Structures are given as structure tokens and as C-alpha cells.
């Protein structure tokens, strides 16, 4: 669903960019797991000089094609939760 994808992307970018200090550096990397590949992006920000605010860019740094369909990138008790299983 294209609308869901756009909403998910917007929410993810809002959350991610709220954590990034806009310094023009590329010290933050974001791994995105797609159904058939893993992509790593660098995220950089620059201070805004106008009322639009700060500007952020993502740049593809690495892409790895997977032989099988991906499921998730977590393992074990996510968030440190214990005794729920």
C-alpha cells in the first residue's frame, strides 16, 4: 500500500531526525531491511538558515542482496524484556 509506505517513511524520518543534531556530519547510519536486501544509509544534517528549519539527507552507503526473504533484524529479548515468553 503506497499510502501506508509513505506514512511509515514519514513517521520513521520524523523520529530519526528528532534524534540527530544537525552538524553536517555523517556519523549516524541507518540500516533498513527490505524483503530481499539490506541497505545502510548515512544520515547527515545541516542547520537551516530559513524558517523551514534544518535539512537532512540520506545517502546509500552499502547494499547487500539477500538470497532469501528477510524476516527481521532482532534476536533475543527486544528492549530487555524478560519472562514474557
N, C-alpha and C. Protein backbone atom coordinates (compact mmCIF):
# COMPACT_ATOMS: atom_id res chain seq x y z
N UNK A 1 0.84 -1.17 0.00
CA UNK A 1 0.00 0.00 0.00
C UNK A 1 0.90 1.24 0.00
N UNK A 2 0.76 2.06 -1.02
CA UNK A 2 1.62 3.23 -1.18
C UNK A 2 1.40 4.24 -0.07
N UNK A 3 0.14 4.48 0.31
CA UNK A 3 -0.15 5.46 1.36
C UNK A 3 0.46 5.03 2.68
N UNK A 4 0.33 3.74 3.03
CA UNK A 4 0.92 3.23 4.27
C UNK A 4 2.44 3.39 4.23
N UNK A 5 3.06 3.08 3.10
CA UNK A 5 4.51 3.21 2.97
C UNK A 5 4.95 4.65 3.17
N UNK A 6 4.23 5.59 2.60
CA UNK A 6 4.58 7.00 2.75
C UNK A 6 4.41 7.45 4.20
N UNK A 7 3.33 7.01 4.86
CA UNK A 7 3.11 7.37 6.26
C UNK A 7 4.19 6.77 7.15
N UNK A 8 4.56 5.51 6.89
CA UNK A 8 5.60 4.84 7.67
C UNK A 8 6.93 5.55 7.49
N UNK A 9 7.27 5.89 6.25
CA UNK A 9 8.52 6.58 5.96
C UNK A 9 8.55 7.93 6.67
N UNK A 10 7.44 8.68 6.60
CA UNK A 10 7.37 9.99 7.24
C UNK A 10 7.54 9.87 8.74
N UNK A 11 6.87 8.89 9.36
CA UNK A 11 6.99 8.70 10.81
C UNK A 11 8.40 8.30 11.20
N UNK A 12 9.01 7.42 10.42
CA UNK A 12 10.38 6.98 10.70
C UNK A 12 11.35 8.15 10.58
N UNK A 13 11.22 8.95 9.54
CA UNK A 13 12.12 10.08 9.35
C UNK A 13 11.94 11.12 10.46
N UNK A 14 10.69 11.36 10.87
CA UNK A 14 10.44 12.32 11.95
C UNK A 14 11.12 11.86 13.24
N UNK A 15 10.95 10.57 13.57
CA UNK A 15 11.57 10.03 14.78
C UNK A 15 13.09 10.09 14.68
N UNK A 16 13.62 9.65 13.56
CA UNK A 16 15.06 9.61 13.38
C UNK A 16 15.66 11.01 13.43
N UNK A 17 15.06 11.95 12.74
CA UNK A 17 15.61 13.29 12.66
C UNK A 17 15.46 14.06 13.97
N UNK A 18 14.52 13.65 14.82
CA UNK A 18 14.41 14.30 16.12
C UNK A 18 15.58 13.94 17.01
N UNK A 19 16.31 12.88 16.68
CA UNK A 19 17.46 12.44 17.46
C UNK A 19 18.79 12.98 16.96
N UNK A 20 18.81 13.54 15.77
CA UNK A 20 20.06 13.91 15.12
C UNK A 20 20.39 15.39 15.34
N UNK A 21 21.56 15.67 15.90
CA UNK A 21 21.98 17.07 15.95
C UNK A 21 22.45 17.50 14.56
N UNK A 22 21.92 18.58 14.01
CA UNK A 22 22.30 18.99 12.65
C UNK A 22 23.67 19.64 12.63
N UNK A 23 24.69 18.87 12.39
CA UNK A 23 26.06 19.38 12.41
C UNK A 23 26.77 19.20 11.08
N UNK A 24 26.11 18.63 10.09
CA UNK A 24 26.77 18.43 8.81
C UNK A 24 27.68 17.22 8.80
N UNK A 25 27.57 16.36 9.80
CA UNK A 25 28.42 15.18 9.85
C UNK A 25 27.65 13.96 9.36
N UNK A 26 28.37 12.91 9.07
CA UNK A 26 27.75 11.66 8.64
C UNK A 26 28.12 10.55 9.62
N UNK A 27 27.95 10.81 10.92
CA UNK A 27 28.31 9.85 11.93
C UNK A 27 27.18 8.88 12.25
N UNK A 28 25.98 9.18 11.80
CA UNK A 28 24.84 8.31 12.07
C UNK A 28 24.54 7.48 10.83
N UNK A 29 24.34 6.19 11.02
CA UNK A 29 23.99 5.30 9.92
C UNK A 29 22.70 4.58 10.25
N UNK A 30 21.91 4.34 9.24
CA UNK A 30 20.61 3.71 9.39
C UNK A 30 20.57 2.46 8.53
N UNK A 31 20.31 1.31 9.16
CA UNK A 31 20.18 0.06 8.42
C UNK A 31 18.70 -0.18 8.16
N UNK A 32 18.35 -0.46 6.92
CA UNK A 32 16.96 -0.72 6.53
C UNK A 32 16.90 -2.10 5.90
N UNK A 33 16.08 -2.96 6.49
CA UNK A 33 15.92 -4.31 5.98
C UNK A 33 14.72 -4.35 5.05
N UNK A 34 14.97 -4.62 3.78
CA UNK A 34 13.94 -4.78 2.77
C UNK A 34 13.68 -6.28 2.61
N UNK A 35 12.62 -6.68 1.93
CA UNK A 35 12.35 -8.12 1.78
C UNK A 35 13.49 -8.91 1.15
N UNK A 36 14.23 -8.34 0.22
CA UNK A 36 15.29 -9.09 -0.45
C UNK A 36 16.67 -8.42 -0.38
N UNK A 37 16.83 -7.39 0.45
CA UNK A 37 18.14 -6.75 0.58
C UNK A 37 18.24 -5.97 1.88
N UNK A 38 19.48 -5.71 2.26
CA UNK A 38 19.79 -4.88 3.42
C UNK A 38 20.54 -3.66 2.92
N UNK A 39 20.06 -2.48 3.28
CA UNK A 39 20.70 -1.24 2.86
C UNK A 39 21.17 -0.47 4.09
N UNK A 40 22.32 0.17 3.98
CA UNK A 40 22.84 1.02 5.04
C UNK A 40 22.98 2.42 4.46
N UNK A 41 22.38 3.39 5.15
CA UNK A 41 22.41 4.78 4.71
C UNK A 41 23.16 5.62 5.73
N UNK A 42 23.87 6.63 5.26
CA UNK A 42 24.41 7.64 6.17
C UNK A 42 23.38 8.76 6.24
N UNK A 43 23.23 9.33 7.41
CA UNK A 43 22.27 10.41 7.62
C UNK A 43 23.05 11.63 8.06
N UNK A 44 22.85 12.73 7.36
CA UNK A 44 23.55 13.97 7.71
C UNK A 44 22.55 15.11 7.78
N UNK A 45 22.88 16.10 8.59
CA UNK A 45 22.00 17.25 8.74
C UNK A 45 22.78 18.54 8.66
N UNK A 46 22.09 19.59 8.24
CA UNK A 46 22.67 20.93 8.20
C UNK A 46 21.69 21.89 8.85
N UNK A 47 22.22 22.88 9.54
CA UNK A 47 21.36 23.87 10.18
C UNK A 47 20.61 24.67 9.14
N UNK A 48 19.34 24.92 9.42
CA UNK A 48 18.53 25.70 8.50
C UNK A 48 18.77 27.18 8.65
N UNK A 49 18.87 27.87 7.54
CA UNK A 49 19.07 29.32 7.56
C UNK A 49 17.78 30.08 7.33
N UNK A 50 16.70 29.36 7.09
CA UNK A 50 15.41 29.99 6.84
C UNK A 50 14.38 29.36 7.77
N UNK A 51 13.16 29.82 7.70
CA UNK A 51 12.12 29.36 8.61
C UNK A 51 11.71 27.91 8.38
N UNK A 52 12.16 27.29 7.31
CA UNK A 52 11.82 25.90 7.04
C UNK A 52 12.51 24.95 8.01
N UNK A 53 13.53 25.41 8.68
CA UNK A 53 14.21 24.58 9.67
C UNK A 53 15.42 23.87 9.11
N UNK A 54 15.82 22.83 9.82
CA UNK A 54 17.01 22.06 9.45
C UNK A 54 16.74 21.18 8.24
N UNK A 55 17.81 20.83 7.54
CA UNK A 55 17.70 19.97 6.37
C UNK A 55 18.49 18.70 6.61
N UNK A 56 17.95 17.58 6.17
CA UNK A 56 18.59 16.29 6.36
C UNK A 56 18.67 15.55 5.04
N UNK A 57 19.73 14.79 4.89
CA UNK A 57 19.92 13.99 3.68
C UNK A 57 20.27 12.56 4.10
N UNK A 58 19.80 11.61 3.31
CA UNK A 58 20.24 10.23 3.49
C UNK A 58 20.93 9.81 2.21
N UNK A 59 22.01 9.06 2.37
CA UNK A 59 22.81 8.64 1.22
C UNK A 59 23.09 7.15 1.36
N UNK A 60 22.79 6.39 0.31
CA UNK A 60 23.04 4.96 0.32
C UNK A 60 24.54 4.71 0.38
N UNK A 61 24.98 3.98 1.41
CA UNK A 61 26.40 3.68 1.58
C UNK A 61 26.72 2.24 1.19
N UNK A 62 25.77 1.35 1.42
CA UNK A 62 26.02 -0.08 1.20
C UNK A 62 24.70 -0.78 0.93
N UNK A 63 24.74 -1.74 0.04
CA UNK A 63 23.55 -2.53 -0.27
C UNK A 63 23.97 -3.99 -0.44
N UNK A 64 23.27 -4.87 0.25
CA UNK A 64 23.59 -6.30 0.18
C UNK A 64 22.33 -7.06 -0.22
N UNK A 65 22.38 -7.75 -1.35
CA UNK A 65 21.24 -8.56 -1.79
C UNK A 65 21.20 -9.86 -0.99
N UNK A 66 19.99 -10.25 -0.59
CA UNK A 66 19.79 -11.46 0.20
C UNK A 66 19.30 -12.60 -0.69
N UNK A 67 19.71 -13.81 -0.36
CA UNK A 67 19.29 -14.97 -1.13
C UNK A 67 17.87 -15.40 -0.77
N UNK A 68 17.47 -15.11 0.45
CA UNK A 68 16.13 -15.50 0.91
C UNK A 68 15.38 -14.25 1.37
N UNK A 69 14.08 -14.40 1.53
CA UNK A 69 13.26 -13.29 2.01
C UNK A 69 13.57 -13.01 3.48
N UNK A 70 13.79 -11.75 3.81
CA UNK A 70 14.13 -11.34 5.17
C UNK A 70 12.91 -11.35 6.07
N UNK A 71 13.14 -11.55 7.35
CA UNK A 71 12.05 -11.53 8.33
C UNK A 71 12.20 -10.35 9.28
N UNK A 72 13.30 -10.29 10.03
CA UNK A 72 13.54 -9.17 10.93
C UNK A 72 15.01 -9.13 11.30
N UNK A 73 15.41 -8.08 12.01
CA UNK A 73 16.81 -7.94 12.41
C UNK A 73 16.97 -8.02 13.92
N UNK A 74 16.00 -8.56 14.63
CA UNK A 74 16.11 -8.64 16.08
C UNK A 74 16.33 -10.08 16.51
N UNK A 75 16.96 -10.24 17.66
CA UNK A 75 17.20 -11.56 18.22
C UNK A 75 17.20 -11.44 19.73
N UNK A 76 16.53 -12.33 20.38
CA UNK A 76 16.53 -12.32 21.84
C UNK A 76 15.48 -11.39 22.40
N UNK A 77 15.60 -11.07 23.69
CA UNK A 77 14.59 -10.22 24.35
C UNK A 77 14.73 -8.76 23.92
N UNK A 78 13.90 -8.35 23.01
CA UNK A 78 13.96 -7.00 22.46
C UNK A 78 13.61 -5.99 23.55
N UNK A 79 14.45 -5.01 23.76
CA UNK A 79 14.21 -3.98 24.77
C UNK A 79 14.51 -4.42 26.18
N UNK A 80 15.14 -5.59 26.35
CA UNK A 80 15.49 -6.06 27.69
C UNK A 80 14.35 -6.69 28.45
N UNK A 81 13.23 -6.98 27.79
CA UNK A 81 12.08 -7.60 28.45
C UNK A 81 12.43 -9.03 28.80
N UNK A 82 12.07 -9.45 30.03
CA UNK A 82 12.38 -10.81 30.49
C UNK A 82 11.12 -11.48 31.02
N UNK A 83 11.03 -12.79 30.84
CA UNK A 83 9.95 -13.58 31.43
C UNK A 83 8.61 -13.48 30.75
N UNK A 84 8.53 -12.95 29.54
CA UNK A 84 7.25 -12.80 28.84
C UNK A 84 6.96 -14.01 27.96
N UNK A 85 7.97 -14.74 27.53
CA UNK A 85 7.77 -15.87 26.64
C UNK A 85 7.13 -16.94 27.41
